[in-house]
PDB file of N, CA and C in Angstrom:
ATOM      1  N   MET A   1       0.844  -1.183   0.000  1.00  0.00           N
ATOM      2  CA  MET A   1       0.000   0.000   0.000  1.00  0.00           C
ATOM      3  C   MET A   1       0.887   1.243   0.000  1.00  0.00           C
ATOM      4  N   ILE A   2       0.590   2.195  -0.861  1.00  0.00           N
ATOM      5  CA  ILE A   2       1.356   3.425  -0.966  1.00  0.00           C
ATOM      6  C   ILE A   2       0.742   4.472  -0.040  1.00  0.00           C
ATOM      7  N   SER A   3       1.593   5.132   0.749  1.00  0.00           N
ATOM      8  CA  SER A   3       1.100   6.147   1.684  1.00  0.00           C
ATOM      9  C   SER A   3       0.678   7.407   0.937  1.00  0.00           C
ATOM     10  N   ASN A   4      -0.128   8.224   1.601  1.00  0.00           N
ATOM     11  CA  ASN A   4      -0.549   9.489   1.010  1.00  0.00           C
ATOM     12  C   ASN A   4       0.646  10.371   0.697  1.00  0.00           C
ATOM     13  N   CYS A   5       1.642  10.365   1.568  1.00  0.00           N
ATOM     14  CA  CYS A   5       2.842  11.159   1.350  1.00  0.00           C
ATOM     15  C   CYS A   5       3.542  10.718   0.069  1.00  0.00           C
ATOM     16  N   THR A   6       3.628   9.419  -0.150  1.00  0.00           N
ATOM     17  CA  THR A   6       4.266   8.904  -1.361  1.00  0.00           C
ATOM     18  C   THR A   6       3.487   9.341  -2.588  1.00  0.00           C
ATOM     19  N   LYS A   7       2.145   9.332  -2.507  1.00  0.00           N
ATOM     20  CA  LYS A   7       1.331   9.784  -3.637  1.00  0.00           C
ATOM     21  C   LYS A   7       1.642  11.235  -3.965  1.00  0.00           C
ATOM     22  N   VAL A   8       1.764  12.077  -2.935  1.00  0.00           N
ATOM     23  CA  VAL A   8       2.062  13.491  -3.150  1.00  0.00           C
ATOM     24  C   VAL A   8       3.432  13.653  -3.783  1.00  0.00           C
ATOM     25  N   ILE A   9       4.411  12.908  -3.298  1.00  0.00           N
ATOM     26  CA  ILE A   9       5.768  13.002  -3.836  1.00  0.00           C
ATOM     27  C   ILE A   9       5.801  12.569  -5.294  1.00  0.00           C
ATOM     28  N   LEU A  10       5.117  11.483  -5.612  1.00  0.00           N
ATOM     29  CA  LEU A  10       5.119  10.997  -6.993  1.00  0.00           C
ATOM     30  C   LEU A  10       4.483  11.995  -7.941  1.00  0.00           C
ATOM     31  N   LEU A  11       3.346  12.545  -7.557  1.00  0.00           N
ATOM     32  CA  LEU A  11       2.682  13.504  -8.422  1.00  0.00           C
ATOM     33  C   LEU A  11       3.431  14.829  -8.444  1.00  0.00           C
ATOM     34  N   SER A  12       4.083  15.199  -7.343  1.00  0.00           N
ATOM     35  CA  SER A  12       4.888  16.416  -7.305  1.00  0.00           C
ATOM     36  C   SER A  12       6.042  16.340  -8.285  1.00  0.00           C
ATOM     37  N   ALA A  13       6.640  15.170  -8.397  1.00  0.00           N
ATOM     38  CA  ALA A  13       7.760  15.005  -9.331  1.00  0.00           C
ATOM     39  C   ALA A  13       7.299  15.287 -10.756  1.00  0.00           C
ATOM     40  N   LEU A  14       6.064  14.929 -11.086  1.00  0.00           N
ATOM     41  CA  LEU A  14       5.533  15.213 -12.413  1.00  0.00           C
ATOM     42  C   LEU A  14       5.316  16.708 -12.629  1.00  0.00           C
ATOM     43  N   ALA A  15       5.028  17.416 -11.557  1.00  0.00           N
ATOM     44  CA  ALA A  15       4.708  18.836 -11.663  1.00  0.00           C
ATOM     45  C   ALA A  15       5.939  19.734 -11.701  1.00  0.00           C
ATOM     46  N   LEU A  16       7.125  19.184 -11.467  1.00  0.00           N
ATOM     47  CA  LEU A  16       8.335  20.011 -11.491  1.00  0.00           C
ATOM     48  C   LEU A  16       8.545  20.579 -12.883  1.00  0.00           C
ATOM     49  N   ASN A  17       9.020  21.813 -12.949  1.00  0.00           N
ATOM     50  CA  ASN A  17       9.297  22.357 -14.275  1.00  0.00           C
ATOM     51  C   ASN A  17      10.550  21.711 -14.837  1.00  0.00           C
ATOM     52  N   THR A  18      10.735  21.824 -16.131  1.00  0.00           N
ATOM     53  CA  THR A  18      11.821  21.142 -16.827  1.00  0.00           C
ATOM     54  C   THR A  18      13.186  21.520 -16.284  1.00  0.00           C
ATOM     55  N   ALA A  19      13.401  22.789 -15.996  1.00  0.00           N
ATOM     56  CA  ALA A  19      14.714  23.238 -15.525  1.00  0.00           C
ATOM     57  C   ALA A  19      15.084  22.574 -14.215  1.00  0.00           C
ATOM     58  N   SER A  20      14.162  22.568 -13.240  1.00  0.00           N
ATOM     59  CA  SER A  20      14.520  21.978 -11.957  1.00  0.00           C
ATOM     60  C   SER A  20      14.614  20.467 -12.060  1.00  0.00           C
ATOM     61  N   ALA A  21      13.833  19.846 -12.944  1.00  0.00           N
ATOM     62  CA  ALA A  21      13.924  18.404 -13.115  1.00  0.00           C
ATOM     63  C   ALA A  21      15.291  18.030 -13.684  1.00  0.00           C
ATOM     64  N   GLN A  22      15.814  18.850 -14.581  1.00  0.00           N
ATOM     65  CA  GLN A  22      17.129  18.581 -15.147  1.00  0.00           C
ATOM     66  C   GLN A  22      18.207  18.725 -14.084  1.00  0.00           C
ATOM     67  N   GLN A  23      17.997  19.598 -13.107  1.00  0.00           N
ATOM     68  CA  GLN A  23      18.969  19.785 -12.037  1.00  0.00           C
ATOM     69  C   GLN A  23      18.812  18.721 -10.952  1.00  0.00           C
ATOM     70  N   ALA A  24      17.737  17.962 -10.992  1.00  0.00           N
ATOM     71  CA  ALA A  24      17.461  16.880 -10.047  1.00  0.00           C
ATOM     72  C   ALA A  24      17.238  17.381  -8.623  1.00  0.00           C
ATOM     73  N   TYR A  25      16.639  18.547  -8.453  1.00  0.00           N
ATOM     74  CA  TYR A  25      16.229  19.014  -7.136  1.00  0.00           C
ATOM     75  C   TYR A  25      14.766  18.646  -6.980  1.00  0.00           C
ATOM     76  N   TYR A  26      14.472  17.773  -6.035  1.00  0.00           N
ATOM     77  CA  TYR A  26      13.117  17.269  -5.900  1.00  0.00           C
ATOM     78  C   TYR A  26      12.376  17.900  -4.741  1.00  0.00           C
ATOM     79  N   GLY A  27      12.686  19.114  -4.410  1.00  0.00           N
ATOM     80  CA  GLY A  27      11.986  19.845  -3.366  1.00  0.00           C
ATOM     81  C   GLY A  27      11.544  21.180  -3.916  1.00  0.00           C
ATOM     82  N   THR A  28      10.962  21.985  -3.043  1.00  0.00           N
ATOM     83  CA  THR A  28      10.500  23.294  -3.495  1.00  0.00           C
ATOM     84  C   THR A  28      11.601  24.334  -3.462  1.00  0.00           C
ATOM     85  N   LYS A  29      12.706  24.013  -2.843  1.00  0.00           N
ATOM     86  CA  LYS A  29      13.808  24.966  -2.731  1.00  0.00           C
ATOM     87  C   LYS A  29      15.090  24.316  -3.225  1.00  0.00           C
ATOM     88  N   THR A  30      15.924  25.062  -3.918  1.00  0.00           N
ATOM     89  CA  THR A  30      17.205  24.546  -4.360  1.00  0.00           C
ATOM     90  C   THR A  30      18.281  24.923  -3.351  1.00  0.00           C
ATOM     91  N   PRO A  31      19.380  24.185  -3.315  1.00  0.00           N
ATOM     92  CA  PRO A  31      20.453  24.503  -2.353  1.00  0.00           C
ATOM     93  C   PRO A  31      21.050  25.882  -2.620  1.00  0.00           C
ATOM     94  N   TYR A  32      21.547  26.509  -1.563  1.00  0.00           N
ATOM     95  CA  TYR A  32      22.224  27.786  -1.705  1.00  0.00           C
ATOM     96  C   TYR A  32      23.535  27.587  -2.449  1.00  0.00           C
ATOM     97  N   GLN A  33      23.876  28.510  -3.294  1.00  0.00           N
ATOM     98  CA  GLN A  33      25.130  28.482  -4.030  1.00  0.00           C
ATOM     99  C   GLN A  33      25.995  29.649  -3.567  1.00  0.00           C
ATOM    100  N   PRO A  34      27.338  29.474  -3.514  1.00  0.00           N
ATOM    101  CA  PRO A  34      28.210  30.591  -3.142  1.00  0.00           C
ATOM    102  C   PRO A  34      27.986  31.773  -4.092  1.00  0.00           C
ATOM    103  N   GLN A  35      28.035  32.972  -3.564  1.00  0.00           N
ATOM    104  CA  GLN A  35      27.771  34.163  -4.365  1.00  0.00           C
ATOM    105  C   GLN A  35      29.047  34.778  -4.933  1.00  0.00           C
ATOM    106  N   GLN A  36      30.198  34.302  -4.471  1.00  0.00           N
ATOM    107  CA  GLN A  36      31.452  34.840  -4.978  1.00  0.00           C
ATOM    108  C   GLN A  36      32.563  33.843  -4.669  1.00  0.00           C
ATOM    109  N   ALA A  37      33.709  34.040  -5.323  1.00  0.00           N
ATOM    110  CA  ALA A  37      34.864  33.181  -5.069  1.00  0.00           C
ATOM    111  C   ALA A  37      35.428  33.506  -3.688  1.00  0.00           C
ATOM    112  N   ILE A  38      35.825  32.483  -2.951  1.00  0.00           N
ATOM    113  CA  ILE A  38      36.345  32.706  -1.601  1.00  0.00           C
ATOM    114  C   ILE A  38      37.578  33.611  -1.629  1.00  0.00           C
ATOM    115  N   SER A  39      38.316  33.571  -2.712  1.00  0.00           N
ATOM    116  CA  SER A  39      39.519  34.412  -2.817  1.00  0.00           C
ATOM    117  C   SER A  39      39.175  35.897  -2.908  1.00  0.00           C
ATOM    118  N   SER A  40      37.924  36.206  -3.207  1.00  0.00           N
ATOM    119  CA  SER A  40      37.527  37.613  -3.325  1.00  0.00           C
ATOM    120  C   SER A  40      36.936  38.175  -2.030  1.00  0.00           C
ATOM    121  N   TYR A  41      36.868  37.351  -0.965  1.00  0.00           N
ATOM    122  CA  TYR A  41      36.362  37.850   0.310  1.00  0.00           C
ATOM    123  C   TYR A  41      37.299  38.912   0.880  1.00  0.00           C
ATOM    124  N   GLU A  42      36.746  39.795   1.668  1.00  0.00           N
ATOM    125  CA  GLU A  42      37.549  40.848   2.294  1.00  0.00           C
ATOM    126  C   GLU A  42      38.567  40.232   3.243  1.00  0.00           C
ATOM    127  N   ALA A  43      39.783  40.727   3.191  1.00  0.00           N
ATOM    128  CA  ALA A  43      40.846  40.214   4.057  1.00  0.00           C
ATOM    129  C   ALA A  43      40.600  40.635   5.500  1.00  0.00           C
ATOM    130  N   ALA A  44      41.129  39.845   6.431  1.00  0.00           N
ATOM    131  CA  ALA A  44      41.041  40.205   7.852  1.00  0.00           C
ATOM    132  C   ALA A  44      41.825  41.496   8.079  1.00  0.00           C
ATOM    133  N   PRO A  45      41.358  42.374   8.966  1.00  0.00           N
ATOM    134  CA  PRO A  45      42.087  43.618   9.232  1.00  0.00           C
ATOM    135  C   PRO A  45      43.507  43.341   9.735  1.00  0.00           C
ATOM    136  N   GLN A  46      44.378  44.290   9.541  1.00  0.00           N
ATOM    137  CA  GLN A  46      45.767  44.142   9.958  1.00  0.00           C
ATOM    138  C   GLN A  46      45.828  43.825  11.458  1.00  0.00           C
ATOM    139  N   GLY A  47      46.643  42.830  11.799  1.00  0.00           N
ATOM    140  CA  GLY A  47      46.782  42.418  13.192  1.00  0.00           C
ATOM    141  C   GLY A  47      45.818  41.316  13.598  1.00  0.00           C
ATOM    142  N   TYR A  48      44.922  40.925  12.714  1.00  0.00           N
ATOM    143  CA  TYR A  48      43.948  39.877  13.020  1.00  0.00           C
ATOM    144  C   TYR A  48      44.219  38.660  12.147  1.00  0.00           C
ATOM    145  N   GLN A  49      43.920  37.492  12.671  1.00  0.00           N
ATOM    146  CA  GLN A  49      44.063  36.237  11.944  1.00  0.00           C
ATOM    147  C   GLN A  49      42.670  35.648  11.729  1.00  0.00           C
ATOM    148  N   PRO A  50      42.372  35.227  10.507  1.00  0.00           N
ATOM    149  CA  PRO A  50      41.075  34.558  10.327  1.00  0.00           C
ATOM    150  C   PRO A  50      41.083  33.194  11.018  1.00  0.00           C
ATOM    151  N   VAL A  51      39.962  32.824  11.584  1.00  0.00           N
ATOM    152  CA  VAL A  51      39.803  31.518  12.212  1.00  0.00           C
ATOM    153  C   VAL A  51      38.558  30.869  11.628  1.00  0.00           C
ATOM    154  N   TYR A  52      38.464  29.587  11.801  1.00  0.00           N
ATOM    155  CA  TYR A  52      37.309  28.861  11.293  1.00  0.00           C
ATOM    156  C   TYR A  52      36.141  29.025  12.263  1.00  0.00           C
ATOM    157  N   THR A  53      35.025  29.427  11.762  1.00  0.00           N
ATOM    158  CA  THR A  53      33.806  29.478  12.576  1.00  0.00           C
ATOM    159  C   THR A  53      32.693  28.797  11.792  1.00  0.00           C
ATOM    160  N   GLN A  54      31.739  28.290  12.517  1.00  0.00           N
ATOM    161  CA  GLN A  54      30.599  27.652  11.881  1.00  0.00           C
ATOM    162  C   GLN A  54      29.379  27.900  12.749  1.00  0.00           C
ATOM    163  N   MET A  55      28.247  28.103  12.114  1.00  0.00           N
ATOM    164  CA  MET A  55      27.015  28.280  12.861  1.00  0.00           C
ATOM    165  C   MET A  55      25.951  27.398  12.238  1.00  0.00           C
ATOM    166  N   LEU A  56      25.216  26.728  13.055  1.00  0.00           N
ATOM    167  CA  LEU A  56      24.086  25.946  12.604  1.00  0.00           C
ATOM    168  C   LEU A  56      22.875  26.488  13.346  1.00  0.00           C
ATOM    169  N   ALA A  57      21.915  26.993  12.609  1.00  0.00           N
ATOM    170  CA  ALA A  57      20.725  27.566  13.235  1.00  0.00           C
ATOM    171  C   ALA A  57      19.486  27.034  12.533  1.00  0.00           C
ATOM    172  N   ARG A  58      18.420  26.915  13.266  1.00  0.00           N
ATOM    173  CA  ARG A  58      17.160  26.457  12.684  1.00  0.00           C
ATOM    174  C   ARG A  58      16.043  27.251  13.342  1.00  0.00           C
ATOM    175  N   HIS A  59      15.127  27.709  12.532  1.00  0.00           N
ATOM    176  CA  HIS A  59      14.039  28.524  13.057  1.00  0.00           C
ATOM    177  C   HIS A  59      12.768  27.732  13.271  1.00  0.00           C
ATOM    178  N   GLY A  60      12.731  26.510  12.852  1.00  0.00           N
ATOM    179  CA  GLY A  60      11.509  25.735  12.941  1.00  0.00           C
ATOM    180  C   GLY A  60      11.086  25.306  11.553  1.00  0.00           C
ATOM    181  N   SER A  61      10.025  24.596  11.465  1.00  0.00           N
ATOM    182  CA  SER A  61       9.561  24.127  10.168  1.00  0.00           C
ATOM    183  C   SER A  61       8.669  25.192   9.552  1.00  0.00           C
ATOM    184  N   ARG A  62       9.008  25.619   8.363  1.00  0.00           N
ATOM    185  CA  ARG A  62       8.243  26.664   7.683  1.00  0.00           C
ATOM    186  C   ARG A  62       7.419  26.026   6.569  1.00  0.00           C
ATOM    187  N   GLY A  63       6.210  26.495   6.426  1.00  0.00           N
ATOM    188  CA  GLY A  63       5.367  26.021   5.341  1.00  0.00           C
ATOM    189  C   GLY A  63       5.815  26.603   4.022  1.00  0.00           C
ATOM    190  N   LEU A  64       5.207  26.148   2.953  1.00  0.00           N
ATOM    191  CA  LEU A  64       5.505  26.698   1.637  1.00  0.00           C
ATOM    192  C   LEU A  64       5.281  28.203   1.661  1.00  0.00           C
ATOM    193  N   THR A  65       6.067  28.945   0.890  1.00  0.00           N
ATOM    194  CA  THR A  65       5.944  30.401   0.905  1.00  0.00           C
ATOM    195  C   THR A  65       4.789  30.903   0.061  1.00  0.00           C
ATOM    196  N   GLY A  66       4.266  30.089  -0.805  1.00  0.00           N
ATOM    197  CA  GLY A  66       3.138  30.500  -1.631  1.00  0.00           C
ATOM    198  C   GLY A  66       2.389  29.292  -2.152  1.00  0.00           C
ATOM    199  N   MET A  67       1.282  29.562  -2.806  1.00  0.00           N
ATOM    200  CA  MET A  67       0.395  28.514  -3.287  1.00  0.00           C
ATOM    201  C   MET A  67       0.853  27.919  -4.622  1.00  0.00           C
ATOM    202  N   LYS A  68       1.882  28.459  -5.218  1.00  0.00           N
ATOM    203  CA  LYS A  68       2.306  28.078  -6.570  1.00  0.00           C
ATOM    204  C   LYS A  68       2.465  26.573  -6.765  1.00  0.00           C
ATOM    205  N   VAL A  69       3.220  25.921  -5.897  1.00  0.00           N
ATOM    206  CA  VAL A  69       3.524  24.502  -6.077  1.00  0.00           C
ATOM    207  C   VAL A  69       2.296  23.631  -5.856  1.00  0.00           C
ATOM    208  N   ASP A  70       1.568  23.853  -4.750  1.00  0.00           N
ATOM    209  CA  ASP A  70       0.418  22.988  -4.521  1.00  0.00           C
ATOM    210  C   ASP A  70      -0.716  23.278  -5.486  1.00  0.00           C
ATOM    211  N   LEU A  71      -0.846  24.515  -5.941  1.00  0.00           N
ATOM    212  CA  LEU A  71      -1.877  24.812  -6.936  1.00  0.00           C
ATOM    213  C   LEU A  71      -1.543  24.133  -8.264  1.00  0.00           C
ATOM    214  N   ALA A  72      -0.277  24.116  -8.647  1.00  0.00           N
ATOM    215  CA  ALA A  72       0.141  23.418  -9.866  1.00  0.00           C
ATOM    216  C   ALA A  72      -0.156  21.924  -9.749  1.00  0.00           C
ATOM    217  N   LEU A  73       0.131  21.360  -8.583  1.00  0.00           N
ATOM    218  CA  LEU A  73      -0.142  19.949  -8.334  1.00  0.00           C
ATOM    219  C   LEU A  73      -1.641  19.666  -8.396  1.00  0.00           C
ATOM    220  N   TYR A  74      -2.430  20.529  -7.775  1.00  0.00           N
ATOM    221  CA  TYR A  74      -3.882  20.341  -7.784  1.00  0.00           C
ATOM    222  C   TYR A  74      -4.439  20.474  -9.203  1.00  0.00           C
ATOM    223  N   ASN A  75      -3.958  21.463  -9.945  1.00  0.00           N
ATOM    224  CA  ASN A  75      -4.431  21.643 -11.326  1.00  0.00           C
ATOM    225  C   ASN A  75      -4.058  20.455 -12.207  1.00  0.00           C
ATOM    226  N   LEU A  76      -2.877  19.884 -11.988  1.00  0.00           N
ATOM    227  CA  LEU A  76      -2.477  18.687 -12.725  1.00  0.00           C
ATOM    228  C   LEU A  76      -3.412  17.533 -12.401  1.00  0.00           C
ATOM    229  N   TRP A  77      -3.746  17.385 -11.117  1.00  0.00           N
ATOM    230  CA  TRP A  77      -4.667  16.333 -10.700  1.00  0.00           C
ATOM    231  C   TRP A  77      -6.054  16.544 -11.318  1.00  0.00           C
ATOM    232  N   LYS A  78      -6.534  17.794 -11.296  1.00  0.00           N
ATOM    233  CA  LYS A  78      -7.855  18.098 -11.874  1.00  0.00           C
ATOM    234  C   LYS A  78      -7.880  17.787 -13.369  1.00  0.00           C
ATOM    235  N   LEU A  79      -6.792  18.094 -14.083  1.00  0.00           N
ATOM    236  CA  LEU A  79      -6.707  17.794 -15.514  1.00  0.00           C
ATOM    237  C   LEU A  79      -6.774  16.292 -15.746  1.00  0.00           C
ATOM    238  N   ALA A  80      -6.024  15.534 -14.958  1.00  0.00           N
ATOM    239  CA  ALA A  80      -6.046  14.076 -15.083  1.00  0.00           C
ATOM    240  C   ALA A  80      -7.440  13.537 -14.775  1.00  0.00           C
ATOM    241  N   GLU A  81      -8.113  14.131 -13.796  1.00  0.00           N
ATOM    242  CA  GLU A  81      -9.481  13.713 -13.469  1.00  0.00           C
ATOM    243  C   GLU A  81     -10.423  14.001 -14.630  1.00  0.00           C
ATOM    244  N   LYS A  82     -10.305  15.195 -15.185  1.00  0.00           N
ATOM    245  CA  LYS A  82     -11.164  15.602 -16.308  1.00  0.00           C
ATOM    246  C   LYS A  82     -10.984  14.687 -17.522  1.00  0.00           C
ATOM    247  N   GLU A  83      -9.750  14.250 -17.722  1.00  0.00           N
ATOM    248  CA  GLU A  83      -9.448  13.400 -18.877  1.00  0.00           C
ATOM    249  C   GLU A  83      -9.608  11.911 -18.552  1.00  0.00           C
ATOM    250  N   HIS A  84     -10.170  11.602 -17.389  1.00  0.00           N
ATOM    251  CA  HIS A  84     -10.383  10.219 -16.947  1.00  0.00           C
ATOM    252  C   HIS A  84      -9.083   9.421 -17.005  1.00  0.00           C
ATOM    253  N   ALA A  85      -8.002  10.045 -16.569  1.00  0.00           N
ATOM    254  CA  ALA A  85      -6.678   9.428 -16.638  1.00  0.00           C
ATOM    255  C   ALA A  85      -6.173   9.014 -15.260  1.00  0.00           C
ATOM    256  N   LEU A  86      -7.047   9.031 -14.250  1.00  0.00           N
ATOM    257  CA  LEU A  86      -6.627   8.662 -12.897  1.00  0.00           C
ATOM    258  C   LEU A  86      -6.886   7.189 -12.625  1.00  0.00           C
ATOM    259  N   THR A  87      -5.947   6.568 -11.974  1.00  0.00           N
ATOM    260  CA  THR A  87      -6.183   5.222 -11.457  1.00  0.00           C
ATOM    261  C   THR A  87      -7.028   5.368 -10.196  1.00  0.00           C
ATOM    262  N   SER A  88      -7.442   4.270  -9.620  1.00  0.00           N
ATOM    263  CA  SER A  88      -8.218   4.363  -8.373  1.00  0.00           C
ATOM    264  C   SER A  88      -7.362   4.983  -7.261  1.00  0.00           C
ATOM    265  N   LEU A  89      -6.086   4.665  -7.252  1.00  0.00           N
ATOM    266  CA  LEU A  89      -5.189   5.263  -6.268  1.00  0.00           C
ATOM    267  C   LEU A  89      -5.015   6.756  -6.545  1.00  0.00           C
ATOM    268  N   GLY A  90      -4.881   7.121  -7.797  1.00  0.00           N
ATOM    269  CA  GLY A  90      -4.740   8.528  -8.172  1.00  0.00           C
ATOM    270  C   GLY A  90      -5.967   9.340  -7.813  1.00  0.00           C
ATOM    271  N   ALA A  91      -7.146   8.732  -7.903  1.00  0.00           N
ATOM    272  CA  ALA A  91      -8.383   9.431  -7.556  1.00  0.00           C
ATOM    273  C   ALA A  91      -8.403   9.816  -6.075  1.00  0.00           C
ATOM    274  N   GLU A  92      -7.719   9.035  -5.237  1.00  0.00           N
ATOM    275  CA  GLU A  92      -7.667   9.325  -3.805  1.00  0.00           C
ATOM    276  C   GLU A  92      -6.777  10.521  -3.493  1.00  0.00           C
ATOM    277  N   LEU A  93      -5.938  10.914  -4.435  1.00  0.00           N
ATOM    278  CA  LEU A  93      -4.961  11.965  -4.176  1.00  0.00           C
ATOM    279  C   LEU A  93      -5.588  13.356  -4.091  1.00  0.00           C
ATOM    280  N   GLY A  94      -6.661  13.619  -4.838  1.00  0.00           N
ATOM    281  CA  GLY A  94      -7.284  14.950  -4.851  1.00  0.00           C
ATOM    282  C   GLY A  94      -7.624  15.480  -3.478  1.00  0.00           C
ATOM    283  N   PRO A  95      -8.362  14.726  -2.666  1.00  0.00           N
ATOM    284  CA  PRO A  95      -8.676  15.201  -1.314  1.00  0.00           C
ATOM    285  C   PRO A  95      -7.425  15.407  -0.461  1.00  0.00           C
ATOM    286  N   ASP A  96      -6.395  14.580  -0.679  1.00  0.00           N
ATOM    287  CA  ASP A  96      -5.142  14.756   0.067  1.00  0.00           C
ATOM    288  C   ASP A  96      -4.490  16.091  -0.296  1.00  0.00           C
ATOM    289  N   ILE A  97      -4.493  16.428  -1.570  1.00  0.00           N
ATOM    290  CA  ILE A  97      -3.918  17.701  -2.014  1.00  0.00           C
ATOM    291  C   ILE A  97      -4.699  18.859  -1.404  1.00  0.00           C
ATOM    292  N   GLN A  98      -6.016  18.755  -1.392  1.00  0.00           N
ATOM    293  CA  GLN A  98      -6.843  19.814  -0.812  1.00  0.00           C
ATOM    294  C   GLN A  98      -6.551  19.982   0.681  1.00  0.00           C
ATOM    295  N   ARG A  99      -6.364  18.881   1.402  1.00  0.00           N
ATOM    296  CA  ARG A  99      -6.029  18.966   2.832  1.00  0.00           C
ATOM    297  C   ARG A  99      -4.657  19.613   3.029  1.00  0.00           C
ATOM    298  N   MET A 100      -3.717  19.291   2.141  1.00  0.00           N
ATOM    299  CA  MET A 100      -2.391  19.897   2.225  1.00  0.00           C
ATOM    300  C   MET A 100      -2.486  21.406   1.992  1.00  0.00           C
ATOM    301  N   MET A 101      -3.289  21.823   1.008  1.00  0.00           N
ATOM    302  CA  MET A 101      -3.465  23.250   0.722  1.00  0.00           C
ATOM    303  C   MET A 101      -4.148  23.951   1.895  1.00  0.00           C
ATOM    304  N   GLN A 102      -5.127  23.292   2.496  1.00  0.00           N
ATOM    305  CA  GLN A 102      -5.822  23.876   3.633  1.00  0.00           C
ATOM    306  C   GLN A 102      -4.870  24.044   4.812  1.00  0.00           C
ATOM    307  N   ALA A 103      -4.020  23.038   5.045  1.00  0.00           N
ATOM    308  CA  ALA A 103      -3.059  23.123   6.147  1.00  0.00           C
ATOM    309  C   ALA A 103      -2.104  24.303   5.938  1.00  0.00           C
ATOM    310  N   ASN A 104      -1.638  24.499   4.717  1.00  0.00           N
ATOM    311  CA  ASN A 104      -0.749  25.632   4.435  1.00  0.00           C
ATOM    312  C   ASN A 104      -1.479  26.960   4.575  1.00  0.00           C
ATOM    313  N   ALA A 105      -2.740  27.013   4.147  1.00  0.00           N
ATOM    314  CA  ALA A 105      -3.514  28.258   4.223  1.00  0.00           C
ATOM    315  C   ALA A 105      -3.798  28.649   5.670  1.00  0.00           C
ATOM    316  N   LEU A 106      -3.890  27.675   6.557  1.00  0.00           N
ATOM    317  CA  LEU A 106      -4.210  27.948   7.961  1.00  0.00           C
ATOM    318  C   LEU A 106      -2.985  27.938   8.865  1.00  0.00           C
ATOM    319  N   LEU A 107      -1.805  27.737   8.299  1.00  0.00           N
ATOM    320  CA  LEU A 107      -0.593  27.609   9.109  1.00  0.00           C
ATOM    321  C   LEU A 107      -0.405  28.820  10.016  1.00  0.00           C
ATOM    322  N   GLY A 108      -0.305  28.564  11.277  1.00  0.00           N
ATOM    323  CA  GLY A 108      -0.109  29.629  12.247  1.00  0.00           C
ATOM    324  C   GLY A 108      -1.392  30.181  12.834  1.00  0.00           C
ATOM    325  N   TYR A 109      -2.555  29.723  12.365  1.00  0.00           N
ATOM    326  CA  TYR A 109      -3.829  30.219  12.896  1.00  0.00           C
ATOM    327  C   TYR A 109      -3.921  29.914  14.383  1.00  0.00           C
ATOM    328  N   GLY A 110      -4.190  30.939  15.175  1.00  0.00           N
ATOM    329  CA  GLY A 110      -4.327  30.773  16.618  1.00  0.00           C
ATOM    330  C   GLY A 110      -3.007  30.724  17.368  1.00  0.00           C
ATOM    331  N   VAL A 111      -1.889  30.912  16.672  1.00  0.00           N
ATOM    332  CA  VAL A 111      -0.580  30.887  17.326  1.00  0.00           C
ATOM    333  C   VAL A 111      -0.201  32.308  17.726  1.00  0.00           C
ATOM    334  N   ALA A 112       0.161  32.485  18.966  1.00  0.00           N
ATOM    335  CA  ALA A 112       0.547  33.810  19.461  1.00  0.00           C
ATOM    336  C   ALA A 112       1.695  34.374  18.634  1.00  0.00           C
ATOM    337  N   GLY A 113       1.582  35.632  18.269  1.00  0.00           N
ATOM    338  CA  GLY A 113       2.633  36.294  17.506  1.00  0.00           C
ATOM    339  C   GLY A 113       2.431  36.239  16.010  1.00  0.00           C
ATOM    340  N   ILE A 114       1.491  35.436  15.534  1.00  0.00           N
ATOM    341  CA  ILE A 114       1.214  35.367  14.096  1.00  0.00           C
ATOM    342  C   ILE A 114      -0.111  36.082  13.849  1.00  0.00           C
ATOM    343  N   SER A 115      -0.010  37.238  13.208  1.00  0.00           N
ATOM    344  CA  SER A 115      -1.215  38.029  12.987  1.00  0.00           C
ATOM    345  C   SER A 115      -1.961  37.631  11.717  1.00  0.00           C
ATOM    346  N   LYS A 116      -1.256  37.051  10.784  1.00  0.00           N
ATOM    347  CA  LYS A 116      -1.891  36.653   9.522  1.00  0.00           C
ATOM    348  C   LYS A 116      -1.510  35.210   9.208  1.00  0.00           C
ATOM    349  N   PRO A 117      -2.430  34.267   9.420  1.00  0.00           N
ATOM    350  CA  PRO A 117      -2.096  32.862   9.137  1.00  0.00           C
ATOM    351  C   PRO A 117      -1.927  32.634   7.638  1.00  0.00           C
ATOM    352  N   GLY A 118      -1.241  31.561   7.299  1.00  0.00           N
ATOM    353  CA  GLY A 118      -1.136  31.177   5.901  1.00  0.00           C
ATOM    354  C   GLY A 118       0.262  30.771   5.490  1.00  0.00           C
ATOM    355  N   TYR A 119       0.430  30.730   4.203  1.00  0.00           N
ATOM    356  CA  TYR A 119       1.686  30.287   3.598  1.00  0.00           C
ATOM    357  C   TYR A 119       2.872  31.071   4.139  1.00  0.00           C
ATOM    358  N   GLY A 120       3.978  30.362   4.364  1.00  0.00           N
ATOM    359  CA  GLY A 120       5.213  30.999   4.794  1.00  0.00           C
ATOM    360  C   GLY A 120       5.401  31.081   6.290  1.00  0.00           C
ATOM    361  N   ASN A 121       4.365  30.832   7.063  1.00  0.00           N
ATOM    362  CA  ASN A 121       4.502  30.879   8.516  1.00  0.00           C
ATOM    363  C   ASN A 121       5.206  29.636   9.041  1.00  0.00           C
ATOM    364  N   GLU A 122       5.734  29.759  10.238  1.00  0.00           N
ATOM    365  CA  GLU A 122       6.388  28.637  10.890  1.00  0.00           C
ATOM    366  C   GLU A 122       5.351  27.827  11.656  1.00  0.00           C
ATOM    367  N   THR A 123       5.645  26.549  11.808  1.00  0.00           N
ATOM    368  CA  THR A 123       4.797  25.717  12.645  1.00  0.00           C
ATOM    369  C   THR A 123       5.116  26.002  14.103  1.00  0.00           C
ATOM    370  N   SER A 124       4.195  25.687  14.972  1.00  0.00           N
ATOM    371  CA  SER A 124       4.475  25.917  16.389  1.00  0.00           C
ATOM    372  C   SER A 124       5.389  24.839  16.911  1.00  0.00           C
TER     373      SER A 124
END
């Protein structure tokens, strides 16, 4: 039996645009790339030695920043439904997509400090 999450992932892979599919990034965000050559960084001031530092920070789990990805997924599902191209398992995916969209639209509702619930908010 395939889980609902697996159904979303499989259909999401179909919805990726050609450019990101060619890059093989299977998420909504691509990895950060360096913005300049390390040799072009500003030198340490005179009398100072550079040392290695590292920071790992996490703000919490953030929802999608906009409806673009899930709306594309939902529209793809609706097209397949209209064209009678869904398997019985595929037919079950529509309500799952709608629940995912609803969860993103309500993200942060009732959470102190969040004045406007919806896409882009952090989970509690």
